[in-house]
Amino acid sequence: MSPAGQPDPTLAQGLLAGGMMNRPLMIADVLVYGADVYGDTTITSRRAEGDLHTATYAQTLVRTEKLAKALIDLGVKPGDRVATLAWNGYRHVELYYAVSGIGSVCHTINPRLSAEQVQFITHHADDRLLFVDLTFVPLVEKMLHIMPPGLRVVIMCGREHMPATSIEGALCYEELLDAQDPGYAWPRFDENTASSLCYTSGTTGNPKGALYSHRSTVLHAMMCAIAFQTALFPGSTVMPVVPMFHVNAWGSPYTAPLTGSALVMPGPNLDGKSLFELMDQTGVHSAWGVPTVWLGLLETIKAQGRVPNGFKDVVVGGSAAPRTMIEQFEERGVSLCHAWGMTEMSPIGTQANLTPPLSELPYDQQIDLKTKQGRRCFGVEMKIVDEDGNAQPHDGKAIGELYVRGNNVIREYYNNPEATADNFDDQGWFGTGDVASIDAYGMLNITDRAKDLIKSGGEWISSIDMESTALAHPHIANCAVIAIPDEKWGERPLLVAVPEAGQVIDKDSVLELLATRFAKWQLPDDVVTVEALPLTATGKVSKLTLRQNLTTSA
């Protein structure tokens, strides 16, 4: 038996146990460390109130301790789910640490979900308390009646900004903190205790919950500190545009205090102009987000004739960054790094920063590599399998469905045995639904989502490759390739494109461009122009909605 009174599994196997202490990995310790070692490093937030707010890690720890005590006074117990409906900001960071720190579960709600999905996840999670940013008060007023009965609401502002609201008994965030004295002794408990709950966007069926633990979250933070050393280091400033309501802003609120990186939280204004101004003002070194966000920023960069002050690094995930986007950033001295992952993976699994030997390759070859999703991060294992479940070689040629496992990967969906049974193989690997290859460098290349591959006449066509090529057309701002039914071939590709401002897309010139990379039979049957592409709740192009819209209009 160990000094803590717990049996050591090593001894049960007849092996020699090490003589080391076994302290649980606790999320609160991350912020305590940041305050102790990088106490003067700051979190700057564009608030829903409209102004900029800056606090150090040391100040954030004091406020988080007060918030933890306030939660306990409100009757929040270990294991209770506490929901948030908020932008990226310092108060949301405080909730991340305080809720999990007392042994409760932080359930971040995506405000872009439908009313039906919000109803489902709040009841499925059995939320007890809801913290809401000012922006979302009207949304909560409309939806509160479909949320769990007795749900209490805290509005995240000071008394001077408390709105007139129909939410009965709404509490004021800053008043809760003001009522508490500083100082709190963070409890110790099993590191496998649940810490946060994030639901998939539910593009097919109801959203599915990924229930993270203290152990998985801390390990993910340390993994990212190793993987993104060009972005995260003492003195750097990182701006997560990827929302905190979606897979923990890719873990950045946990990794930054470990690495001494300052955080800039953009709040509700995510258009290119607003991001440029905030980045320019705060000297953001690295910014993280989905490709649709960077399209808007690139437009502003072109209009300004320069990149924001200090901007040298961008991390792109959520969906593939087109080659033209990578080139436009690289040509302006901003290194672009692909990252790939999933809600079920905490979420990061790979990163595509080039190693020294690869960074010495000719420029075009470097860009070729950067279009891929990158090498696995430490602690993440990957395999690709064929239709019969047989593992395929990592030779860059074999293609199959991607499976993953690791300490940051869920072993089951929260309270959903059916979805768990559907998504794990008999060895416990999680099936991602992505079709991919892995080359000799260990670089993952996702060729498509299994459901987005186009099968025409028995042959597969990659929508991702076609989209990336089409985006090189000077008159196309954004595009998506979808499958449409065809009596003869089963499915045929259709290119749906958004034109650059003031431009008209010529179908023949687009097909001519695509013909440089695709066989004639692979070319889309038509090019359809639309004003905008529908987005999912996580900012990706919704091909499901696009298919439905085009089918209805037809």
Protein backbone atom coordinates (compact mmCIF):
# COMPACT_ATOMS: atom_id res chain seq x y z
CA MET A 1 0.00 0.00 0.00
CA SER A 2 1.16 3.55 -0.75
CA PRO A 3 1.34 6.17 2.06
CA ALA A 4 -1.99 7.51 0.78
CA GLY A 5 -3.54 4.12 1.51
CA GLN A 6 -4.16 3.26 -2.14
CA PRO A 7 -2.88 0.07 -3.78
CA ASP A 8 -0.22 0.53 -6.44
CA PRO A 9 -1.13 -1.27 -9.70
CA THR A 10 2.58 -1.79 -10.40
CA LEU A 11 2.91 -4.03 -7.35
CA ALA A 12 -0.17 -5.99 -8.41
CA GLN A 13 1.75 -6.98 -11.55
CA GLY A 14 4.78 -8.13 -9.56
CA LEU A 15 6.95 -5.22 -10.77
CA LEU A 16 9.11 -2.98 -8.64
CA ALA A 17 7.28 0.21 -7.63
CA GLY A 18 9.12 3.51 -7.81
CA GLY A 19 9.64 5.48 -4.64
CA MET A 20 8.10 8.74 -5.82
CA MET A 21 5.29 10.85 -4.43
CA ASN A 22 1.98 10.64 -6.26
CA ARG A 23 0.30 14.05 -6.23
CA PRO A 24 -2.93 14.42 -8.19
CA LEU A 25 -2.91 16.64 -11.27
CA MET A 26 -5.25 19.52 -10.41
CA ILE A 27 -6.48 22.27 -12.75
CA ALA A 28 -6.35 24.89 -9.97
CA ASP A 29 -2.62 24.23 -9.62
CA VAL A 30 -2.11 25.55 -13.16
CA LEU A 31 -3.38 29.02 -12.20
CA VAL A 32 -1.55 28.92 -8.86
CA TYR A 33 1.64 28.17 -10.76
CA GLY A 34 1.01 30.99 -13.23
CA ALA A 35 0.43 33.44 -10.37
CA ASP A 36 3.56 32.28 -8.53
CA VAL A 37 5.98 32.17 -11.46
CA TYR A 38 4.49 34.61 -13.99
CA GLY A 39 2.40 36.75 -11.66
CA ASP A 40 2.82 39.98 -13.64
CA THR A 41 1.80 38.39 -16.96
CA THR A 42 -1.58 39.67 -18.09
CA ILE A 43 -4.97 38.68 -19.44
CA THR A 44 -6.38 41.50 -21.57
CA SER A 45 -10.05 41.20 -22.51
CA ARG A 46 -12.40 43.06 -24.80
CA ARG A 47 -15.48 43.02 -22.59
CA ALA A 48 -19.09 42.76 -23.62
CA GLU A 49 -19.42 46.16 -21.94
CA GLY A 50 -17.26 47.55 -24.75
CA ASP A 51 -14.02 48.45 -22.99
CA LEU A 52 -10.66 46.74 -22.46
CA HIS A 53 -9.88 45.09 -19.14
CA THR A 54 -6.44 43.94 -18.01
CA ALA A 55 -5.57 41.78 -15.01
CA THR A 56 -2.41 39.87 -14.07
CA TYR A 57 -2.32 36.16 -13.32
CA ALA A 58 -1.76 37.05 -9.67
CA GLN A 59 -4.88 39.24 -9.64
CA THR A 60 -6.82 36.56 -11.54
CA LEU A 61 -5.97 33.99 -8.88
CA VAL A 62 -7.32 36.24 -6.11
CA ARG A 63 -10.58 36.79 -7.98
CA THR A 64 -10.87 33.08 -8.80
CA GLU A 65 -10.49 32.18 -5.13
CA LYS A 66 -13.34 34.56 -4.31
CA LEU A 67 -15.45 33.05 -7.07
CA ALA A 68 -14.84 29.54 -5.72
CA LYS A 69 -16.14 30.62 -2.31
CA ALA A 70 -19.12 32.35 -3.92
CA LEU A 71 -20.03 29.16 -5.79
CA ILE A 72 -19.98 27.19 -2.56
CA ASP A 73 -22.18 29.82 -0.89
CA LEU A 74 -24.64 29.43 -3.76
CA GLY A 75 -24.92 25.75 -2.92
CA VAL A 76 -22.80 24.35 -5.75
CA LYS A 77 -21.59 20.90 -4.73
CA PRO A 78 -18.88 18.60 -6.08
CA GLY A 79 -20.07 17.01 -9.30
CA ASP A 80 -22.70 19.67 -10.01
CA ARG A 81 -22.71 21.04 -13.54
CA VAL A 82 -22.27 24.80 -13.81
CA ALA A 83 -23.03 26.17 -17.27
CA THR A 84 -21.54 29.16 -19.04
CA LEU A 85 -22.84 31.14 -22.00
CA ALA A 86 -20.02 33.59 -22.55
CA TRP A 87 -17.37 34.98 -24.89
CA ASN A 88 -13.62 34.75 -24.45
CA GLY A 89 -12.89 36.99 -21.49
CA TYR A 90 -11.29 37.14 -18.05
CA ARG A 91 -14.47 36.26 -16.18
CA HIS A 92 -14.86 33.13 -18.28
CA VAL A 93 -11.26 32.21 -17.42
CA GLU A 94 -12.07 32.65 -13.74
CA LEU A 95 -15.03 30.29 -14.12
CA TYR A 96 -12.85 27.69 -15.86
CA TYR A 97 -10.66 27.45 -12.77
CA ALA A 98 -13.12 28.10 -9.96
CA VAL A 99 -15.82 25.64 -11.03
CA SER A 100 -13.45 22.72 -11.58
CA GLY A 101 -11.31 23.78 -8.63
CA ILE A 102 -14.09 23.05 -6.13
CA GLY A 103 -14.79 19.66 -7.74
CA SER A 104 -17.70 20.75 -9.92
CA VAL A 105 -18.02 20.55 -13.71
CA CYS A 106 -17.83 23.56 -16.04
CA HIS A 107 -20.28 23.05 -18.91
CA THR A 108 -19.62 25.52 -21.71
CA ILE A 109 -22.64 26.14 -23.96
CA ASN A 110 -22.23 27.16 -27.58
CA PRO A 111 -24.64 30.10 -28.19
CA ARG A 112 -24.81 29.22 -31.89
CA LEU A 113 -26.65 25.98 -31.18
CA SER A 114 -30.34 25.78 -32.00
CA ALA A 115 -32.97 26.13 -29.28
CA GLU A 116 -33.65 22.40 -29.54
CA GLN A 117 -29.97 21.59 -29.04
CA VAL A 118 -29.66 23.98 -26.07
CA GLN A 119 -32.72 22.38 -24.52
CA PHE A 120 -31.22 18.93 -25.01
CA ILE A 121 -27.75 19.62 -23.63
CA THR A 122 -28.84 21.65 -20.58
CA HIS A 123 -31.21 18.85 -19.55
CA HIS A 124 -28.76 16.10 -20.49
CA ALA A 125 -26.07 17.83 -18.40
CA ASP A 126 -28.61 18.65 -15.66
CA ASP A 127 -27.17 22.14 -15.22
CA ARG A 128 -27.74 23.79 -11.82
CA LEU A 129 -26.37 27.29 -12.41
CA LEU A 130 -25.83 29.39 -15.53
CA PHE A 131 -23.32 32.24 -15.95
CA VAL A 132 -24.14 34.48 -18.90
CA ASP A 133 -22.40 37.39 -20.63
CA LEU A 134 -24.39 40.59 -21.21
CA THR A 135 -24.61 39.84 -24.93
CA PHE A 136 -26.54 36.65 -24.31
CA VAL A 137 -29.06 37.90 -21.74
CA PRO A 138 -31.80 38.30 -24.41
CA LEU A 139 -31.06 34.78 -25.62
CA VAL A 140 -31.42 33.37 -22.11
CA GLU A 141 -34.65 35.30 -21.61
CA LYS A 142 -36.09 33.51 -24.65
CA MET A 143 -34.72 30.07 -23.78
CA LEU A 144 -34.86 29.89 -19.99
CA HIS A 145 -38.27 28.21 -20.05
CA ILE A 146 -36.83 25.23 -21.98
CA MET A 147 -33.82 24.83 -19.67
CA PRO A 148 -33.86 22.75 -16.47
CA PRO A 149 -36.41 24.02 -13.93
CA GLY A 150 -34.95 26.04 -11.07
CA LEU A 151 -31.83 26.97 -13.03
CA ARG A 152 -30.29 30.04 -11.39
CA VAL A 153 -28.68 32.71 -13.58
CA VAL A 154 -25.67 34.94 -12.89
CA ILE A 155 -25.07 37.87 -15.25
CA MET A 156 -21.35 38.45 -15.82
CA CYS A 157 -20.95 42.17 -15.14
CA GLY A 158 -20.86 44.75 -12.36
CA ARG A 159 -23.92 46.33 -10.75
CA GLU A 160 -23.54 49.43 -12.95
CA HIS A 161 -24.10 47.33 -16.07
CA MET A 162 -26.84 45.03 -14.78
CA PRO A 163 -29.61 45.10 -17.38
CA ALA A 164 -33.32 45.24 -16.79
CA THR A 165 -34.26 41.63 -17.37
CA SER A 166 -37.17 39.24 -17.13
CA ILE A 167 -34.86 36.58 -15.63
CA GLU A 168 -36.26 36.13 -12.15
CA GLY A 169 -33.68 36.34 -9.38
CA ALA A 170 -30.75 37.10 -11.70
CA LEU A 171 -27.55 37.58 -9.72
CA CYS A 172 -24.67 40.00 -10.38
CA TYR A 173 -21.25 38.41 -10.93
CA GLU A 174 -19.14 41.19 -9.41
CA GLU A 175 -21.39 41.44 -6.36
CA LEU A 176 -20.84 37.73 -5.71
CA LEU A 177 -17.08 38.31 -5.70
CA ASP A 178 -17.27 41.51 -3.65
CA ALA A 179 -19.05 39.61 -0.88
CA GLN A 180 -16.06 37.28 -0.41
CA ASP A 181 -12.75 37.72 1.37
CA PRO A 182 -9.58 36.77 -0.55
CA GLY A 183 -7.90 33.43 0.04
CA TYR A 184 -9.11 29.89 -0.51
CA ALA A 185 -7.50 26.51 0.14
CA TRP A 186 -8.07 24.51 -3.03
CA PRO A 187 -9.20 20.98 -2.16
CA ARG A 188 -7.28 17.89 -3.26
CA PHE A 189 -9.15 14.98 -4.79
CA ASP A 190 -8.73 12.24 -7.37
CA GLU A 191 -7.23 13.63 -10.59
CA ASN A 192 -9.70 11.55 -12.61
CA THR A 193 -12.57 13.67 -11.25
CA ALA A 194 -14.64 15.31 -14.00
CA SER A 195 -13.69 18.93 -14.63
CA SER A 196 -15.54 20.18 -17.71
CA LEU A 197 -18.17 19.11 -20.19
CA CYS A 198 -18.25 20.04 -23.86
CA TYR A 199 -20.80 18.88 -26.41
CA THR A 200 -20.24 18.30 -30.10
CA SER A 201 -22.16 20.62 -32.39
CA GLY A 202 -24.61 17.85 -33.28
CA THR A 203 -24.60 18.15 -37.07
CA THR A 204 -26.14 14.66 -37.13
CA GLY A 205 -28.49 13.74 -34.29
CA ASN A 206 -28.29 15.18 -30.78
CA PRO A 207 -25.02 16.67 -29.53
CA LYS A 208 -22.73 14.24 -27.71
CA GLY A 209 -20.93 15.13 -24.49
CA ALA A 210 -17.19 14.82 -23.85
CA LEU A 211 -16.53 14.83 -20.11
CA TYR A 212 -12.94 15.89 -19.41
CA SER A 213 -11.04 15.22 -16.19
CA HIS A 214 -8.46 17.18 -14.20
CA ARG A 215 -5.83 14.67 -15.32
CA SER A 216 -6.69 14.87 -19.02
CA THR A 217 -6.89 18.68 -18.96
CA VAL A 218 -3.55 19.21 -17.22
CA LEU A 219 -1.83 16.66 -19.46
CA HIS A 220 -3.34 18.36 -22.53
CA ALA A 221 -2.04 21.73 -21.32
CA MET A 222 1.47 20.35 -20.84
CA MET A 223 1.28 18.61 -24.22
CA CYS A 224 0.40 21.90 -25.94
CA ALA A 225 3.23 23.69 -24.13
CA ILE A 226 5.62 21.22 -25.77
CA ALA A 227 3.93 21.21 -29.18
CA PHE A 228 3.51 24.97 -29.75
CA GLN A 229 6.81 26.42 -28.59
CA THR A 230 6.83 29.01 -31.37
CA ALA A 231 3.57 30.41 -30.02
CA LEU A 232 3.73 29.80 -26.27
CA PHE A 233 6.74 31.02 -24.30
CA PRO A 234 7.52 33.60 -21.59
CA GLY A 235 6.86 37.06 -23.02
CA SER A 236 4.67 35.97 -25.92
CA THR A 237 1.10 37.19 -26.29
CA VAL A 238 -1.50 34.70 -27.52
CA MET A 239 -5.02 35.52 -28.71
CA PRO A 240 -7.43 32.57 -28.82
CA VAL A 241 -10.15 33.54 -31.28
CA VAL A 242 -11.40 29.96 -31.11
CA PRO A 243 -14.21 30.27 -28.56
CA MET A 244 -13.95 29.26 -24.93
CA PHE A 245 -17.44 27.82 -25.39
CA HIS A 246 -15.98 25.32 -27.87
CA VAL A 247 -13.46 22.74 -26.56
CA ASN A 248 -11.86 25.09 -24.06
CA ALA A 249 -10.43 27.47 -26.67
CA TRP A 250 -8.11 24.61 -27.69
CA GLY A 251 -6.80 24.52 -24.12
CA SER A 252 -5.11 27.93 -24.34
CA PRO A 253 -6.49 29.28 -21.01
CA TYR A 254 -4.75 26.33 -19.32
CA THR A 255 -1.53 26.29 -21.35
CA ALA A 256 -0.76 30.02 -21.24
CA PRO A 257 -0.21 30.22 -17.44
CA LEU A 258 2.15 27.23 -17.66
CA THR A 259 4.30 28.86 -20.33
CA GLY A 260 4.24 32.49 -19.13
CA SER A 261 2.32 33.65 -22.19
CA ALA A 262 -0.01 36.63 -21.91
CA LEU A 263 -3.59 36.16 -23.11
CA VAL A 264 -5.65 38.55 -25.22
CA MET A 265 -9.35 37.70 -25.20
CA PRO A 266 -11.29 39.21 -28.14
CA GLY A 267 -14.79 39.12 -26.64
CA PRO A 268 -17.77 39.40 -28.98
CA ASN A 269 -16.21 41.32 -31.92
CA LEU A 270 -14.61 38.75 -34.22
CA ASP A 271 -14.71 40.57 -37.57
CA GLY A 272 -11.44 41.22 -39.36
CA LYS A 273 -11.30 44.93 -38.58
CA SER A 274 -11.96 44.48 -34.85
CA LEU A 275 -9.41 41.68 -34.56
CA PHE A 276 -6.77 43.69 -36.43
CA GLU A 277 -7.23 46.72 -34.16
CA LEU A 278 -7.09 44.63 -30.96
CA MET A 279 -4.05 42.67 -32.13
CA ASP A 280 -2.28 45.85 -33.22
CA GLN A 281 -2.99 47.51 -29.87
CA THR A 282 -1.90 44.58 -27.69
CA GLY A 283 0.99 43.21 -29.75
CA VAL A 284 -0.43 39.74 -30.30
CA HIS A 285 2.33 37.33 -31.32
CA SER A 286 0.19 34.25 -32.01
CA ALA A 287 -3.52 33.99 -32.85
CA TRP A 288 -5.59 30.78 -32.88
CA GLY A 289 -8.80 30.12 -34.77
CA VAL A 290 -10.71 28.55 -37.64
CA PRO A 291 -10.08 29.47 -41.32
CA THR A 292 -13.28 31.51 -41.71
CA VAL A 293 -11.97 33.96 -39.08
CA TRP A 294 -8.66 34.42 -40.88
CA LEU A 295 -10.36 35.17 -44.19
CA GLY A 296 -11.77 38.33 -42.60
CA LEU A 297 -8.46 39.25 -40.99
CA LEU A 298 -6.60 38.80 -44.28
CA GLU A 299 -9.01 41.22 -45.98
CA THR A 300 -8.17 43.86 -43.37
CA ILE A 301 -4.43 43.12 -43.62
CA LYS A 302 -4.62 43.69 -47.37
CA ALA A 303 -6.54 46.95 -46.87
CA GLN A 304 -4.03 48.14 -44.24
CA GLY A 305 -1.02 47.04 -46.26
CA ARG A 306 0.57 45.40 -43.22
CA VAL A 307 0.05 42.81 -40.50
CA PRO A 308 -0.78 43.84 -36.92
CA ASN A 309 2.10 44.92 -34.70
CA GLY A 310 4.06 41.90 -33.45
CA PHE A 311 2.00 39.32 -35.34
CA LYS A 312 4.28 36.40 -36.29
CA ASP A 313 2.34 33.16 -35.74
CA VAL A 314 -1.13 31.79 -36.51
CA VAL A 315 -2.55 28.41 -35.53
CA VAL A 316 -5.39 27.13 -37.71
CA GLY A 317 -7.75 24.29 -36.86
CA GLY A 318 -11.38 23.27 -37.10
CA SER A 319 -11.09 22.72 -40.84
CA ALA A 320 -8.27 22.72 -43.35
CA ALA A 321 -6.55 25.99 -44.21
CA PRO A 322 -6.38 26.34 -48.01
CA ARG A 323 -2.94 26.59 -49.58
CA THR A 324 -3.60 30.17 -50.70
CA MET A 325 -4.28 31.22 -47.10
CA ILE A 326 -1.05 29.62 -45.92
CA GLU A 327 0.89 31.38 -48.68
CA GLN A 328 -0.69 34.78 -47.95
CA PHE A 329 0.33 34.61 -44.29
CA GLU A 330 3.79 33.19 -44.97
CA GLU A 331 4.52 35.86 -47.59
CA ARG A 332 3.81 38.50 -44.93
CA GLY A 333 6.16 36.94 -42.38
CA VAL A 334 3.47 35.12 -40.37
CA SER A 335 4.15 31.42 -39.89
CA LEU A 336 1.00 29.32 -40.19
CA CYS A 337 0.70 26.08 -38.25
CA HIS A 338 -2.06 23.61 -38.93
CA ALA A 339 -3.46 21.86 -35.86
CA TRP A 340 -6.00 19.08 -35.91
CA GLY A 341 -8.16 17.53 -33.25
CA MET A 342 -11.71 16.96 -32.08
CA THR A 343 -13.98 17.73 -29.15
CA GLU A 344 -13.42 14.11 -28.13
CA MET A 345 -9.65 14.75 -27.94
CA SER A 346 -9.64 17.76 -25.56
CA PRO A 347 -9.20 18.78 -28.54
CA ILE A 348 -5.67 18.96 -30.02
CA GLY A 349 -4.04 15.88 -31.55
CA THR A 350 -1.50 17.14 -34.09
CA GLN A 351 0.51 20.20 -35.06
CA ALA A 352 2.34 21.01 -38.30
CA ASN A 353 5.27 23.22 -37.32
CA LEU A 354 8.21 22.10 -39.43
CA THR A 355 11.24 20.48 -37.84
CA PRO A 356 14.66 22.00 -38.70
CA PRO A 357 15.39 19.52 -41.54
CA LEU A 358 11.97 20.11 -43.10
CA SER A 359 12.27 23.89 -42.79
CA GLU A 360 15.34 23.72 -45.04
CA LEU A 361 13.36 22.25 -47.94
CA PRO A 362 12.47 24.43 -50.95
CA TYR A 363 9.62 26.86 -50.26
CA ASP A 364 7.00 24.99 -52.31
CA GLN A 365 7.76 21.74 -50.50
CA GLN A 366 7.45 23.51 -47.14
CA ILE A 367 4.02 24.83 -48.12
CA ASP A 368 3.05 21.32 -49.27
CA LEU A 369 3.85 20.04 -45.79
CA LYS A 370 2.07 22.92 -44.08
CA THR A 371 -1.16 22.06 -45.90
CA LYS A 372 -1.17 18.78 -43.98
CA GLN A 373 -2.51 18.48 -40.44
CA GLY A 374 0.88 17.69 -38.93
CA ARG A 375 2.56 15.18 -36.64
CA ARG A 376 0.96 13.70 -33.56
CA CYS A 377 1.49 15.45 -30.25
CA PHE A 378 3.03 13.53 -27.38
CA GLY A 379 0.49 11.21 -25.77
CA VAL A 380 -1.65 10.86 -28.90
CA GLU A 381 -1.48 7.64 -30.92
CA MET A 382 -2.94 7.33 -34.43
CA LYS A 383 -3.73 4.54 -36.85
CA ILE A 384 -5.53 4.34 -40.17
CA VAL A 385 -7.60 1.30 -41.05
CA ASP A 386 -9.29 -0.05 -44.15
CA GLU A 387 -12.95 -1.02 -44.43
CA ASP A 388 -12.22 -4.33 -42.69
CA GLY A 389 -10.46 -2.68 -39.76
CA ASN A 390 -6.95 -3.65 -40.86
CA ALA A 391 -4.20 -1.19 -39.94
CA GLN A 392 -2.62 0.48 -42.98
CA PRO A 393 1.04 1.50 -43.46
CA HIS A 394 2.21 5.06 -42.76
CA ASP A 395 3.66 5.54 -46.21
CA GLY A 396 1.71 8.58 -47.40
CA LYS A 397 -0.12 6.46 -49.95
CA ALA A 398 -2.44 4.19 -48.00
CA ILE A 399 -5.71 5.86 -47.04
CA GLY A 400 -8.17 4.78 -44.38
CA GLU A 401 -10.32 5.93 -41.49
CA LEU A 402 -8.33 7.59 -38.73
CA TYR A 403 -8.50 6.15 -35.20
CA VAL A 404 -6.88 7.70 -32.12
CA ARG A 405 -6.22 6.93 -28.49
CA GLY A 406 -4.43 8.66 -25.62
CA ASN A 407 -4.78 10.27 -22.20
CA ASN A 408 -6.60 13.25 -23.73
CA VAL A 409 -9.08 11.13 -25.72
CA ILE A 410 -12.47 10.23 -24.27
CA ARG A 411 -13.07 6.56 -23.45
CA GLU A 412 -16.83 7.04 -23.69
CA TYR A 413 -19.44 9.70 -24.40
CA TYR A 414 -21.13 11.21 -21.37
CA ASN A 415 -24.28 9.26 -20.53
CA ASN A 416 -24.60 7.97 -24.11
CA PRO A 417 -23.81 4.26 -24.42
CA GLU A 418 -25.26 4.06 -27.94
CA ALA A 419 -22.87 6.68 -29.32
CA THR A 420 -19.99 5.07 -27.43
CA ALA A 421 -20.73 1.69 -29.01
CA ASP A 422 -20.85 3.26 -32.48
CA ASN A 423 -17.55 5.13 -32.27
CA PHE A 424 -15.00 2.83 -30.62
CA ASP A 425 -13.39 -0.31 -32.00
CA ASP A 426 -12.91 -3.52 -30.01
CA GLN A 427 -9.43 -2.38 -28.91
CA GLY A 428 -10.73 0.87 -27.41
CA TRP A 429 -9.54 3.20 -30.20
CA PHE A 430 -11.82 6.13 -31.06
CA GLY A 431 -12.97 6.39 -34.67
CA THR A 432 -12.71 10.00 -35.81
CA GLY A 433 -14.75 9.70 -39.01
CA ASP A 434 -11.87 11.34 -40.91
CA VAL A 435 -10.33 9.71 -43.97
CA ALA A 436 -6.57 10.21 -43.93
CA SER A 437 -3.06 9.09 -44.77
CA ILE A 438 0.11 9.35 -42.67
CA ASP A 439 3.45 9.77 -44.42
CA ALA A 440 6.99 8.71 -43.54
CA TYR A 441 7.55 12.02 -41.70
CA GLY A 442 4.58 11.18 -39.48
CA MET A 443 2.55 13.95 -41.12
CA LEU A 444 -1.20 13.38 -41.02
CA ASN A 445 -3.06 14.35 -44.17
CA ILE A 446 -6.85 14.36 -43.84
CA THR A 447 -8.35 13.88 -47.26
CA ASP A 448 -11.97 14.24 -46.17
CA ARG A 449 -14.63 13.48 -43.65
CA ALA A 450 -16.04 10.04 -44.44
CA LYS A 451 -19.48 11.58 -44.88
CA ASP A 452 -18.13 14.32 -47.20
CA LEU A 453 -16.28 12.10 -49.66
CA ILE A 454 -17.94 12.04 -53.08
CA LYS A 455 -18.29 8.60 -54.66
CA SER A 456 -18.84 8.99 -58.39
CA GLY A 457 -19.11 5.86 -60.50
CA GLY A 458 -17.47 3.84 -57.73
CA GLU A 459 -14.47 6.20 -57.50
CA TRP A 460 -13.76 8.60 -54.63
CA ILE A 461 -13.33 12.36 -55.07
CA SER A 462 -11.89 14.49 -52.25
CA SER A 463 -13.91 17.62 -51.58
CA ILE A 464 -11.09 19.09 -49.45
CA ASP A 465 -8.51 18.89 -52.26
CA MET A 466 -10.93 20.43 -54.73
CA GLU A 467 -11.84 23.28 -52.36
CA SER A 468 -8.19 24.07 -51.69
CA THR A 469 -7.46 24.25 -55.42
CA ALA A 470 -10.53 26.39 -56.19
CA LEU A 471 -9.57 28.93 -53.53
CA ALA A 472 -6.53 29.82 -55.62
CA HIS A 473 -8.92 31.41 -58.13
CA PRO A 474 -8.58 35.21 -57.78
CA HIS A 475 -12.35 35.80 -57.77
CA ILE A 476 -13.28 33.15 -55.16
CA ALA A 477 -13.34 34.26 -51.53
CA ASN A 478 -14.64 31.00 -50.07
CA CYS A 479 -16.11 27.77 -51.39
CA ALA A 480 -17.39 24.30 -50.59
CA VAL A 481 -17.68 21.14 -52.68
CA ILE A 482 -20.67 18.89 -51.99
CA ALA A 483 -22.11 15.74 -53.48
CA ILE A 484 -25.38 15.90 -55.41
CA PRO A 485 -27.37 12.82 -56.46
CA ASP A 486 -26.88 11.58 -60.02
CA GLU A 487 -28.89 8.83 -61.71
CA LYS A 488 -25.96 7.52 -63.75
CA TRP A 489 -22.96 8.01 -61.44
CA GLY A 490 -24.62 7.91 -58.01
CA GLU A 491 -23.05 11.20 -56.93
CA ARG A 492 -21.38 14.11 -58.69
CA PRO A 493 -19.43 17.05 -57.21
CA LEU A 494 -20.92 20.55 -57.13
CA LEU A 495 -18.77 23.60 -56.36
CA VAL A 496 -20.52 26.33 -54.35
CA ALA A 497 -18.50 29.54 -54.29
CA VAL A 498 -18.62 32.98 -52.66
CA PRO A 499 -17.14 35.70 -54.90
CA GLU A 500 -14.60 38.27 -53.79
CA ALA A 501 -16.18 41.69 -53.26
CA GLY A 502 -17.11 43.26 -56.58
CA GLN A 503 -16.10 40.21 -58.60
CA VAL A 504 -18.05 37.79 -60.81
CA ILE A 505 -17.05 34.12 -60.88
CA ASP A 506 -16.61 32.73 -64.38
CA LYS A 507 -17.41 29.00 -64.42
CA ASP A 508 -15.10 28.18 -67.33
CA SER A 509 -12.07 29.79 -65.71
CA VAL A 510 -12.74 27.89 -62.47
CA LEU A 511 -12.99 24.56 -64.30
CA GLU A 512 -9.83 25.41 -66.21
CA LEU A 513 -8.01 25.94 -62.91
CA LEU A 514 -9.35 22.70 -61.43
CA ALA A 515 -8.33 20.79 -64.55
CA THR A 516 -4.69 21.44 -63.67
CA ARG A 517 -5.03 19.03 -60.73
CA PHE A 518 -8.08 16.88 -61.39
CA ALA A 519 -9.07 14.43 -64.11
CA LYS A 520 -11.94 15.43 -66.37
CA TRP A 521 -14.34 12.96 -64.74
CA GLN A 522 -13.58 14.44 -61.31
CA LEU A 523 -14.45 18.03 -62.26
CA PRO A 524 -17.67 19.47 -60.77
CA ASP A 525 -20.73 19.43 -62.99
CA ASP A 526 -21.47 23.04 -62.11
CA VAL A 527 -20.24 26.09 -60.22
CA VAL A 528 -22.94 27.81 -58.17
CA THR A 529 -22.44 31.32 -56.75
CA VAL A 530 -23.88 32.27 -53.34
CA GLU A 531 -23.53 35.37 -51.15
CA ALA A 532 -22.35 33.38 -48.11
CA LEU A 533 -21.80 29.81 -46.98
CA PRO A 534 -23.80 28.51 -44.00
CA LEU A 535 -21.67 27.84 -40.93
CA THR A 536 -21.99 25.29 -38.15
CA ALA A 537 -22.06 26.30 -34.50
CA THR A 538 -18.25 25.99 -34.43
CA GLY A 539 -17.59 28.20 -37.45
CA LYS A 540 -17.07 25.46 -40.03
CA VAL A 541 -18.91 25.37 -43.34
CA SER A 542 -22.10 23.35 -42.88
CA LYS A 543 -22.26 21.09 -45.91
CA LEU A 544 -25.38 19.46 -44.49
CA THR A 545 -27.20 22.81 -44.51
CA LEU A 546 -25.76 23.62 -47.94
CA ARG A 547 -27.12 20.38 -49.37
CA GLN A 548 -30.50 20.98 -47.78
CA ASN A 549 -30.68 24.57 -49.06
CA LEU A 550 -29.74 23.65 -52.61
CA THR A 551 -32.10 20.68 -52.65
CA THR A 552 -34.97 22.87 -51.40
CA SER A 553 -34.23 25.64 -53.91
CA ALA A 554 -34.07 23.10 -56.71
